[in-house]
Amino acid sequence: LFRVLLVIAIAAIGMRLFNSGDLEPPGESMAADLRQTATPLGKSCGNAAHWSKAQRFLGQRATLKGRVEAVTYRPDEDGRPTWINIGASFPNDNRLDLIIWGRNRSGFRGVLSRLSRGREICAQGVVERYRGTYQIELKRPAQIRIF
């Protein structure tokens, strides 16, 4: 009797979730969704998330895409950084910064020579937040792709 009541209770909870819209009915649409998300959003350039979604990936490795707004090299600052601003230029905080430190810059010569304002790119790395702006540190040229 206990098992029967338990099964009925579990079925009732499942129906309540299903009817509330929290669960989708099984079927072809669910299978299609699974096929579409075989590569999770933000895991490759083919399925990169838009740069404005960076906050969703904070602290995680992700692939983000967008248009270059500015490229700035500052050899006079500590670490000799190169910033690639995506979505907006500094000082607008509503942007994604890709940062290449001076110690890694020589490996990016070919990439940097092809970058210009308006080019679509995707970059992969850990999304961090620094002074209100999301950023990804680029250490290897393989982390960035220009379209």
N, C-alpha and C. Protein backbone atom coordinates (compact mmCIF):
# COMPACT_ATOMS: atom_id res chain seq x y z
N LEU A 1 0.83 -1.20 0.00
CA LEU A 1 0.00 0.00 0.00
C LEU A 1 0.87 1.26 0.00
N PHE A 2 1.96 1.22 0.80
CA PHE A 2 2.87 2.38 0.86
C PHE A 2 3.47 2.68 -0.51
N ARG A 3 3.89 1.64 -1.22
CA ARG A 3 4.48 1.82 -2.55
C ARG A 3 3.47 2.42 -3.53
N VAL A 4 2.25 1.98 -3.46
CA VAL A 4 1.21 2.50 -4.34
C VAL A 4 0.98 3.98 -4.07
N LEU A 5 0.91 4.36 -2.78
CA LEU A 5 0.73 5.76 -2.42
C LEU A 5 1.92 6.60 -2.86
N LEU A 6 3.12 6.05 -2.73
CA LEU A 6 4.33 6.76 -3.14
C LEU A 6 4.32 7.01 -4.65
N VAL A 7 3.96 6.02 -5.43
CA VAL A 7 3.89 6.16 -6.88
C VAL A 7 2.85 7.21 -7.26
N ILE A 8 1.70 7.19 -6.60
CA ILE A 8 0.65 8.17 -6.88
C ILE A 8 1.13 9.58 -6.54
N ALA A 9 1.82 9.74 -5.42
CA ALA A 9 2.33 11.06 -5.01
C ALA A 9 3.36 11.57 -6.01
N ILE A 10 4.26 10.71 -6.44
CA ILE A 10 5.29 11.12 -7.41
C ILE A 10 4.62 11.50 -8.73
N ALA A 11 3.63 10.75 -9.16
CA ALA A 11 2.91 11.06 -10.40
C ALA A 11 2.19 12.40 -10.28
N ALA A 12 1.60 12.67 -9.13
CA ALA A 12 0.88 13.94 -8.93
C ALA A 12 1.84 15.12 -8.98
N ILE A 13 3.00 14.97 -8.36
CA ILE A 13 4.00 16.05 -8.39
C ILE A 13 4.48 16.27 -9.82
N GLY A 14 4.72 15.20 -10.55
CA GLY A 14 5.15 15.31 -11.94
C GLY A 14 4.11 16.02 -12.79
N MET A 15 2.85 15.68 -12.60
CA MET A 15 1.78 16.34 -13.37
C MET A 15 1.69 17.82 -13.01
N ARG A 16 1.86 18.15 -11.74
CA ARG A 16 1.80 19.55 -11.32
C ARG A 16 2.93 20.34 -11.99
N LEU A 17 4.15 19.78 -12.00
CA LEU A 17 5.27 20.45 -12.66
C LEU A 17 5.03 20.57 -14.16
N PHE A 18 4.52 19.49 -14.75
CA PHE A 18 4.25 19.51 -16.19
C PHE A 18 3.21 20.58 -16.53
N ASN A 19 2.15 20.64 -15.78
CA ASN A 19 1.07 21.60 -16.05
C ASN A 19 1.48 23.03 -15.74
N SER A 20 2.46 23.23 -14.85
CA SER A 20 2.91 24.58 -14.54
C SER A 20 3.85 25.13 -15.60
N GLY A 21 4.29 24.26 -16.51
CA GLY A 21 5.19 24.71 -17.57
C GLY A 21 6.66 24.55 -17.22
N ASP A 22 6.97 24.02 -16.02
CA ASP A 22 8.36 23.83 -15.62
C ASP A 22 9.00 22.65 -16.34
N LEU A 23 8.17 21.71 -16.80
CA LEU A 23 8.67 20.56 -17.54
C LEU A 23 8.07 20.56 -18.93
N GLU A 24 8.84 20.13 -19.92
CA GLU A 24 8.33 20.02 -21.27
C GLU A 24 7.90 18.59 -21.51
N PRO A 25 6.89 18.39 -22.34
CA PRO A 25 6.50 17.02 -22.66
C PRO A 25 7.58 16.36 -23.49
N PRO A 26 7.78 15.05 -23.29
CA PRO A 26 8.77 14.36 -24.12
C PRO A 26 8.26 14.29 -25.55
N GLY A 27 9.17 14.22 -26.47
CA GLY A 27 8.76 14.12 -27.86
C GLY A 27 9.81 14.66 -28.79
N GLU A 28 9.44 14.87 -30.04
CA GLU A 28 10.39 15.30 -31.06
C GLU A 28 10.98 16.67 -30.76
N SER A 29 10.18 17.60 -30.20
CA SER A 29 10.72 18.94 -29.94
C SER A 29 11.85 18.87 -28.90
N MET A 30 11.70 17.99 -27.94
CA MET A 30 12.75 17.83 -26.93
C MET A 30 14.01 17.23 -27.57
N ALA A 31 13.83 16.26 -28.45
CA ALA A 31 14.98 15.66 -29.14
C ALA A 31 15.67 16.70 -30.01
N ALA A 32 14.89 17.56 -30.68
CA ALA A 32 15.47 18.61 -31.51
C ALA A 32 16.26 19.59 -30.66
N ASP A 33 15.75 19.95 -29.48
CA ASP A 33 16.48 20.84 -28.58
C ASP A 33 17.80 20.23 -28.17
N LEU A 34 17.81 18.93 -27.89
CA LEU A 34 19.04 18.25 -27.50
C LEU A 34 20.05 18.27 -28.63
N ARG A 35 19.59 18.07 -29.87
CA ARG A 35 20.52 18.12 -31.00
C ARG A 35 21.09 19.51 -31.18
N GLN A 36 20.29 20.55 -31.01
CA GLN A 36 20.75 21.92 -31.19
C GLN A 36 21.75 22.33 -30.13
N THR A 37 21.66 21.77 -28.94
CA THR A 37 22.55 22.17 -27.86
C THR A 37 23.65 21.15 -27.62
N ALA A 38 23.97 20.36 -28.64
CA ALA A 38 25.05 19.39 -28.50
C ALA A 38 26.35 20.09 -28.10
N THR A 39 26.60 21.27 -28.67
CA THR A 39 27.71 22.11 -28.26
C THR A 39 27.10 23.28 -27.50
N PRO A 40 27.28 23.32 -26.18
CA PRO A 40 26.64 24.38 -25.39
C PRO A 40 27.06 25.77 -25.85
N LEU A 41 26.13 26.70 -25.71
CA LEU A 41 26.38 28.09 -26.07
C LEU A 41 27.65 28.58 -25.39
N GLY A 42 28.51 29.20 -26.18
CA GLY A 42 29.73 29.75 -25.62
C GLY A 42 30.89 28.78 -25.53
N LYS A 43 30.79 27.62 -26.21
CA LYS A 43 31.86 26.64 -26.13
C LYS A 43 32.76 26.59 -27.36
N SER A 44 32.34 27.20 -28.47
CA SER A 44 33.16 27.21 -29.68
C SER A 44 32.79 28.43 -30.51
N CYS A 45 33.63 28.79 -31.47
CA CYS A 45 33.32 29.94 -32.34
C CYS A 45 32.05 29.68 -33.13
N GLY A 46 31.78 28.43 -33.48
CA GLY A 46 30.57 28.11 -34.21
C GLY A 46 29.31 28.31 -33.38
N ASN A 47 29.46 28.33 -32.07
CA ASN A 47 28.32 28.50 -31.17
C ASN A 47 28.65 29.53 -30.09
N ALA A 48 29.40 30.55 -30.48
CA ALA A 48 29.84 31.58 -29.52
C ALA A 48 28.66 32.41 -29.04
N ALA A 49 28.73 32.81 -27.79
CA ALA A 49 27.73 33.72 -27.23
C ALA A 49 28.11 35.16 -27.59
N HIS A 50 27.12 36.02 -27.72
CA HIS A 50 27.38 37.43 -27.99
C HIS A 50 28.11 38.02 -26.79
N TRP A 51 29.01 38.95 -27.03
CA TRP A 51 29.84 39.54 -25.98
C TRP A 51 28.99 40.12 -24.84
N SER A 52 27.79 40.60 -25.15
CA SER A 52 26.94 41.21 -24.13
C SER A 52 26.42 40.20 -23.11
N LYS A 53 26.63 38.93 -23.36
CA LYS A 53 26.21 37.87 -22.44
C LYS A 53 27.35 37.43 -21.52
N ALA A 54 28.43 38.18 -21.49
CA ALA A 54 29.62 37.80 -20.71
C ALA A 54 29.31 37.52 -19.25
N GLN A 55 28.39 38.29 -18.65
CA GLN A 55 28.08 38.11 -17.23
C GLN A 55 27.57 36.70 -16.94
N ARG A 56 26.95 36.05 -17.91
CA ARG A 56 26.46 34.68 -17.71
C ARG A 56 27.60 33.68 -17.52
N PHE A 57 28.78 34.04 -17.97
CA PHE A 57 29.92 33.12 -17.95
C PHE A 57 30.99 33.54 -16.95
N LEU A 58 30.69 34.48 -16.07
CA LEU A 58 31.68 34.98 -15.12
C LEU A 58 32.32 33.83 -14.35
N GLY A 59 33.66 33.79 -14.39
CA GLY A 59 34.41 32.75 -13.70
C GLY A 59 34.51 31.44 -14.48
N GLN A 60 33.95 31.41 -15.68
CA GLN A 60 33.96 30.20 -16.49
C GLN A 60 34.69 30.43 -17.80
N ARG A 61 35.10 29.34 -18.41
CA ARG A 61 35.69 29.41 -19.75
C ARG A 61 34.54 29.51 -20.74
N ALA A 62 34.63 30.46 -21.65
CA ALA A 62 33.57 30.67 -22.63
C ALA A 62 34.16 31.21 -23.93
N THR A 63 33.37 31.12 -24.99
CA THR A 63 33.72 31.72 -26.27
C THR A 63 32.70 32.79 -26.56
N LEU A 64 33.18 34.02 -26.71
CA LEU A 64 32.31 35.17 -26.94
C LEU A 64 32.68 35.83 -28.26
N LYS A 65 31.69 36.44 -28.91
CA LYS A 65 31.94 37.07 -30.21
C LYS A 65 31.41 38.49 -30.22
N GLY A 66 31.95 39.28 -31.13
CA GLY A 66 31.48 40.64 -31.29
C GLY A 66 32.38 41.41 -32.24
N ARG A 67 32.05 42.67 -32.44
CA ARG A 67 32.81 43.54 -33.33
C ARG A 67 33.85 44.34 -32.55
N VAL A 68 35.02 44.46 -33.15
CA VAL A 68 36.12 45.23 -32.56
C VAL A 68 35.76 46.72 -32.66
N GLU A 69 35.86 47.41 -31.54
CA GLU A 69 35.64 48.85 -31.51
C GLU A 69 36.97 49.60 -31.43
N ALA A 70 37.96 49.02 -30.75
CA ALA A 70 39.27 49.68 -30.62
C ALA A 70 40.32 48.66 -30.21
N VAL A 71 41.54 48.92 -30.64
CA VAL A 71 42.71 48.15 -30.21
C VAL A 71 43.71 49.15 -29.68
N THR A 72 44.12 48.98 -28.43
CA THR A 72 45.02 49.94 -27.79
C THR A 72 46.21 49.23 -27.17
N TYR A 73 47.41 49.64 -27.56
CA TYR A 73 48.64 49.10 -26.98
C TYR A 73 49.25 50.18 -26.10
N ARG A 74 49.58 49.82 -24.86
CA ARG A 74 50.15 50.78 -23.91
C ARG A 74 51.49 50.26 -23.38
N PRO A 75 52.57 50.42 -24.16
CA PRO A 75 53.88 49.93 -23.72
C PRO A 75 54.41 50.67 -22.50
N ASP A 76 53.84 51.85 -22.20
CA ASP A 76 54.30 52.66 -21.07
C ASP A 76 53.67 52.23 -19.74
N GLU A 77 52.64 51.38 -19.75
CA GLU A 77 51.98 50.93 -18.53
C GLU A 77 52.58 49.62 -18.03
N ASP A 78 52.42 49.36 -16.73
CA ASP A 78 52.89 48.10 -16.16
C ASP A 78 52.31 46.92 -16.92
N GLY A 79 53.14 45.99 -17.29
CA GLY A 79 52.71 44.79 -18.00
C GLY A 79 52.55 44.97 -19.49
N ARG A 80 52.73 46.21 -20.00
CA ARG A 80 52.63 46.53 -21.42
C ARG A 80 51.38 45.91 -22.06
N PRO A 81 50.18 46.26 -21.57
CA PRO A 81 48.95 45.63 -22.07
C PRO A 81 48.52 46.10 -23.45
N THR A 82 47.85 45.19 -24.14
CA THR A 82 47.12 45.51 -25.37
C THR A 82 45.67 45.17 -25.07
N TRP A 83 44.79 46.16 -25.28
CA TRP A 83 43.37 45.92 -25.08
C TRP A 83 42.67 45.89 -26.41
N ILE A 84 41.80 44.91 -26.57
CA ILE A 84 40.91 44.84 -27.71
C ILE A 84 39.51 45.04 -27.13
N ASN A 85 38.91 46.19 -27.44
CA ASN A 85 37.57 46.50 -26.93
C ASN A 85 36.53 45.96 -27.90
N ILE A 86 35.58 45.20 -27.35
CA ILE A 86 34.49 44.61 -28.13
C ILE A 86 33.19 45.26 -27.69
N GLY A 87 32.39 45.69 -28.65
CA GLY A 87 31.07 46.25 -28.35
C GLY A 87 31.06 47.75 -28.11
N ALA A 88 32.06 48.28 -27.46
CA ALA A 88 32.19 49.72 -27.21
C ALA A 88 33.65 50.00 -26.87
N SER A 89 34.03 51.24 -26.99
CA SER A 89 35.41 51.64 -26.67
C SER A 89 35.50 52.14 -25.24
N PHE A 90 36.70 52.04 -24.68
CA PHE A 90 36.99 52.66 -23.39
C PHE A 90 36.69 54.15 -23.51
N PRO A 91 36.06 54.78 -22.56
CA PRO A 91 35.80 54.38 -21.18
C PRO A 91 34.42 53.78 -20.93
N ASN A 92 33.63 53.52 -21.97
CA ASN A 92 32.31 52.92 -21.78
C ASN A 92 32.46 51.55 -21.10
N ASP A 93 31.82 51.37 -19.94
CA ASP A 93 31.92 50.10 -19.21
C ASP A 93 31.11 48.98 -19.85
N ASN A 94 30.21 49.32 -20.76
CA ASN A 94 29.38 48.32 -21.43
C ASN A 94 30.14 47.76 -22.62
N ARG A 95 31.17 46.97 -22.31
CA ARG A 95 32.03 46.40 -23.35
C ARG A 95 32.67 45.13 -22.81
N LEU A 96 33.32 44.40 -23.68
CA LEU A 96 34.15 43.26 -23.30
C LEU A 96 35.57 43.63 -23.70
N ASP A 97 36.50 43.46 -22.78
CA ASP A 97 37.92 43.70 -23.09
C ASP A 97 38.63 42.37 -23.24
N LEU A 98 39.38 42.26 -24.31
CA LEU A 98 40.32 41.15 -24.46
C LEU A 98 41.67 41.77 -24.16
N ILE A 99 42.42 41.17 -23.24
CA ILE A 99 43.70 41.76 -22.85
C ILE A 99 44.84 40.80 -23.16
N ILE A 100 45.87 41.36 -23.79
CA ILE A 100 47.09 40.62 -24.10
C ILE A 100 48.21 41.34 -23.34
N TRP A 101 48.85 40.64 -22.44
CA TRP A 101 49.97 41.24 -21.70
C TRP A 101 51.23 41.22 -22.55
N GLY A 102 52.11 42.14 -22.28
CA GLY A 102 53.35 42.29 -23.05
C GLY A 102 54.15 41.02 -23.20
N ARG A 103 54.18 40.19 -22.14
CA ARG A 103 54.97 38.94 -22.20
C ARG A 103 54.44 37.97 -23.25
N ASN A 104 53.17 38.14 -23.66
CA ASN A 104 52.55 37.25 -24.66
C ASN A 104 52.36 37.92 -26.02
N ARG A 105 52.61 39.20 -26.10
CA ARG A 105 52.29 39.99 -27.29
C ARG A 105 52.98 39.50 -28.57
N SER A 106 54.22 39.06 -28.48
CA SER A 106 54.95 38.65 -29.69
C SER A 106 54.24 37.51 -30.42
N GLY A 107 53.56 36.65 -29.71
CA GLY A 107 52.83 35.56 -30.34
C GLY A 107 51.59 36.01 -31.10
N PHE A 108 51.15 37.24 -30.85
CA PHE A 108 49.92 37.77 -31.46
C PHE A 108 50.19 38.74 -32.62
N ARG A 109 51.44 38.86 -33.06
CA ARG A 109 51.75 39.83 -34.12
C ARG A 109 50.87 39.66 -35.34
N GLY A 110 50.72 38.44 -35.82
CA GLY A 110 49.90 38.19 -37.01
C GLY A 110 48.44 38.53 -36.78
N VAL A 111 47.92 38.17 -35.62
CA VAL A 111 46.53 38.47 -35.28
C VAL A 111 46.32 39.97 -35.18
N LEU A 112 47.20 40.65 -34.44
CA LEU A 112 47.05 42.08 -34.24
C LEU A 112 47.16 42.87 -35.54
N SER A 113 47.97 42.38 -36.48
CA SER A 113 48.12 43.10 -37.75
C SER A 113 46.84 43.02 -38.59
N ARG A 114 45.99 42.03 -38.34
CA ARG A 114 44.74 41.87 -39.10
C ARG A 114 43.53 42.48 -38.41
N LEU A 115 43.70 42.93 -37.17
CA LEU A 115 42.57 43.50 -36.43
C LEU A 115 42.34 44.95 -36.80
N SER A 116 41.08 45.28 -36.95
CA SER A 116 40.72 46.69 -37.18
C SER A 116 39.29 46.88 -36.70
N ARG A 117 38.94 48.13 -36.50
CA ARG A 117 37.60 48.47 -36.02
C ARG A 117 36.55 47.91 -36.99
N GLY A 118 35.54 47.27 -36.42
CA GLY A 118 34.46 46.73 -37.22
C GLY A 118 34.60 45.26 -37.57
N ARG A 119 35.80 44.69 -37.38
CA ARG A 119 35.99 43.25 -37.68
C ARG A 119 35.28 42.41 -36.63
N GLU A 120 34.64 41.35 -37.09
CA GLU A 120 33.97 40.40 -36.20
C GLU A 120 35.00 39.39 -35.73
N ILE A 121 35.04 39.16 -34.42
CA ILE A 121 35.98 38.18 -33.86
C ILE A 121 35.27 37.34 -32.80
N CYS A 122 35.88 36.22 -32.48
CA CYS A 122 35.46 35.46 -31.30
C CYS A 122 36.72 35.15 -30.51
N ALA A 123 36.54 35.08 -29.21
CA ALA A 123 37.67 34.82 -28.32
C ALA A 123 37.24 33.85 -27.24
N GLN A 124 38.17 33.00 -26.85
CA GLN A 124 37.87 31.99 -25.82
C GLN A 124 38.80 32.17 -24.64
N GLY A 125 38.23 32.08 -23.45
CA GLY A 125 39.01 32.16 -22.23
C GLY A 125 38.10 32.30 -21.03
N VAL A 126 38.71 32.47 -19.87
CA VAL A 126 37.95 32.63 -18.64
C VAL A 126 37.44 34.07 -18.55
N VAL A 127 36.15 34.22 -18.34
CA VAL A 127 35.54 35.55 -18.23
C VAL A 127 35.74 36.05 -16.80
N GLU A 128 36.37 37.21 -16.71
CA GLU A 128 36.62 37.84 -15.41
C GLU A 128 35.99 39.23 -15.43
N ARG A 129 35.94 39.86 -14.26
CA ARG A 129 35.42 41.22 -14.17
C ARG A 129 36.48 42.07 -13.48
N TYR A 130 36.80 43.20 -14.08
CA TYR A 130 37.81 44.11 -13.53
C TYR A 130 37.29 45.54 -13.66
N ARG A 131 37.14 46.19 -12.53
CA ARG A 131 36.66 47.57 -12.49
C ARG A 131 35.39 47.78 -13.31
N GLY A 132 34.45 46.88 -13.13
CA GLY A 132 33.14 47.02 -13.77
C GLY A 132 33.04 46.55 -15.20
N THR A 133 34.14 46.05 -15.76
CA THR A 133 34.15 45.61 -17.16
C THR A 133 34.52 44.13 -17.23
N TYR A 134 33.83 43.41 -18.10
CA TYR A 134 34.16 41.99 -18.29
C TYR A 134 35.37 41.89 -19.21
N GLN A 135 36.21 40.89 -18.94
CA GLN A 135 37.42 40.73 -19.75
C GLN A 135 37.82 39.28 -19.85
N ILE A 136 38.59 39.00 -20.89
CA ILE A 136 39.21 37.70 -21.10
C ILE A 136 40.68 37.96 -21.38
N GLU A 137 41.54 37.28 -20.66
CA GLU A 137 42.98 37.39 -20.92
C GLU A 137 43.35 36.41 -22.02
N LEU A 138 44.02 36.91 -23.03
CA LEU A 138 44.49 36.08 -24.14
C LEU A 138 45.96 35.77 -23.94
N LYS A 139 46.29 34.49 -23.89
CA LYS A 139 47.67 34.06 -23.71
C LYS A 139 48.26 33.43 -24.96
N ARG A 140 47.37 32.87 -25.81
CA ARG A 140 47.79 32.18 -27.03
C ARG A 140 46.95 32.64 -28.21
N PRO A 141 47.53 32.76 -29.39
CA PRO A 141 46.77 33.19 -30.57
C PRO A 141 45.59 32.26 -30.89
N ALA A 142 45.67 31.00 -30.50
CA ALA A 142 44.58 30.07 -30.76
C ALA A 142 43.29 30.45 -30.03
N GLN A 143 43.37 31.38 -29.08
CA GLN A 143 42.19 31.80 -28.32
C GLN A 143 41.33 32.80 -29.08
N ILE A 144 41.81 33.29 -30.21
CA ILE A 144 41.08 34.33 -30.94
C ILE A 144 40.96 33.95 -32.40
N ARG A 145 39.82 34.29 -32.97
CA ARG A 145 39.57 34.02 -34.39
C ARG A 145 38.94 35.27 -35.00
N ILE A 146 39.45 35.65 -36.16
CA ILE A 146 38.96 36.84 -36.87
C ILE A 146 38.13 36.37 -38.06
N PHE A 147 36.98 36.99 -38.26
CA PHE A 147 36.10 36.63 -39.40
C PHE A 147 36.19 37.66 -40.49
